[in-house]
Amino acid sequence: MFMRMAVQHPMILDAKADPEKVGALLSRLQSRMDGLHERAATYKNYQKTFKVSTYSPRAAFSALFSTHSVPLVL
């Protein structure tokens, strides 16, 4: 489930929802967000290490074309 959809779960906004279930759901969402944040930090470190800028379609195609335009010498 995508996080955007998960955080809009109706149970979160339901005043009559079981507090334990809501707490468990929020705990799972927080855990997943922490994992995604950690993964994003890892990717940012990779980008810094390999000197890759953040993704943009134009930059990606430029890099692709420049890679393919180099003649292969065997």
Protein backbone atom coordinates (compact mmCIF):
# COMPACT_ATOMS: atom_id res chain seq x y z
CA MET A 1 0.00 0.00 0.00
CA PHE A 2 1.32 3.44 -0.87
CA MET A 3 2.03 5.67 2.10
CA ARG A 4 -0.13 8.45 0.71
CA MET A 5 -3.13 6.15 0.77
CA ALA A 6 -2.17 4.50 4.06
CA VAL A 7 -2.07 7.75 6.03
CA GLN A 8 -5.59 8.54 4.81
CA HIS A 9 -7.01 5.40 6.38
CA PRO A 10 -10.54 6.19 7.62
CA MET A 11 -9.83 4.61 11.00
CA ILE A 12 -7.31 7.36 11.81
CA LEU A 13 -10.00 10.06 11.59
CA ASP A 14 -12.81 8.03 13.16
CA ALA A 15 -13.46 9.32 16.68
CA LYS A 16 -15.19 6.04 17.53
CA ALA A 17 -12.33 3.81 16.39
CA ASP A 18 -10.63 1.52 18.86
CA PRO A 19 -7.64 3.48 20.24
CA GLU A 20 -5.47 0.36 20.41
CA LYS A 21 -6.08 -0.44 16.74
CA VAL A 22 -5.43 3.17 15.73
CA GLY A 23 -2.25 3.20 17.80
CA ALA A 24 -1.10 -0.05 16.20
CA LEU A 25 -1.81 1.33 12.74
CA LEU A 26 0.05 4.56 13.48
CA SER A 27 2.95 2.58 14.90
CA ARG A 28 3.18 0.50 11.70
CA LEU A 29 2.97 3.64 9.58
CA GLN A 30 5.71 5.31 11.64
CA SER A 31 7.92 2.25 11.30
CA ARG A 32 7.40 2.19 7.55
CA MET A 33 8.09 5.93 7.28
CA ASP A 34 11.31 5.47 9.26
CA GLY A 35 12.37 2.72 6.83
CA LEU A 36 11.57 4.89 3.82
CA HIS A 37 13.46 7.80 5.35
CA GLU A 38 16.48 5.58 5.95
CA ARG A 39 16.32 4.28 2.37
CA ALA A 40 16.10 7.83 1.02
CA ALA A 41 19.17 8.81 3.05
CA THR A 42 21.04 5.83 1.62
CA TYR A 43 20.12 6.86 -1.92
CA LYS A 44 21.20 10.44 -1.25
CA ASN A 45 24.55 9.16 -0.01
CA TYR A 46 24.91 7.09 -3.18
CA GLN A 47 24.15 10.17 -5.26
CA LYS A 48 26.76 12.16 -3.37
CA THR A 49 29.35 9.35 -3.58
CA PHE A 50 28.87 8.81 -7.30
CA LYS A 51 28.27 12.50 -7.98
CA VAL A 52 24.85 11.94 -9.45
CA SER A 53 22.36 14.75 -9.30
CA THR A 54 18.77 14.15 -8.31
CA TYR A 55 16.66 12.55 -10.99
CA SER A 56 15.28 14.61 -13.77
CA PRO A 57 14.14 13.09 -17.06
CA ARG A 58 16.20 15.55 -19.09
CA ALA A 59 19.40 14.76 -17.16
CA ALA A 60 18.72 11.02 -17.38
CA PHE A 61 18.28 11.12 -21.15
CA SER A 62 21.33 13.34 -21.51
CA ALA A 63 23.43 10.84 -19.56
CA LEU A 64 21.96 7.98 -21.57
CA PHE A 65 22.73 9.60 -24.91
CA SER A 66 26.24 10.62 -23.88
CA THR A 67 26.91 7.03 -22.77
CA HIS A 68 25.69 5.60 -26.04
CA SER A 69 27.47 8.16 -28.16
CA VAL A 70 30.91 7.03 -27.01
CA PRO A 71 32.46 4.78 -29.67
CA LEU A 72 33.25 1.28 -28.49
CA VAL A 73 36.88 0.35 -29.08
CA LEU A 74 37.71 -3.32 -28.85
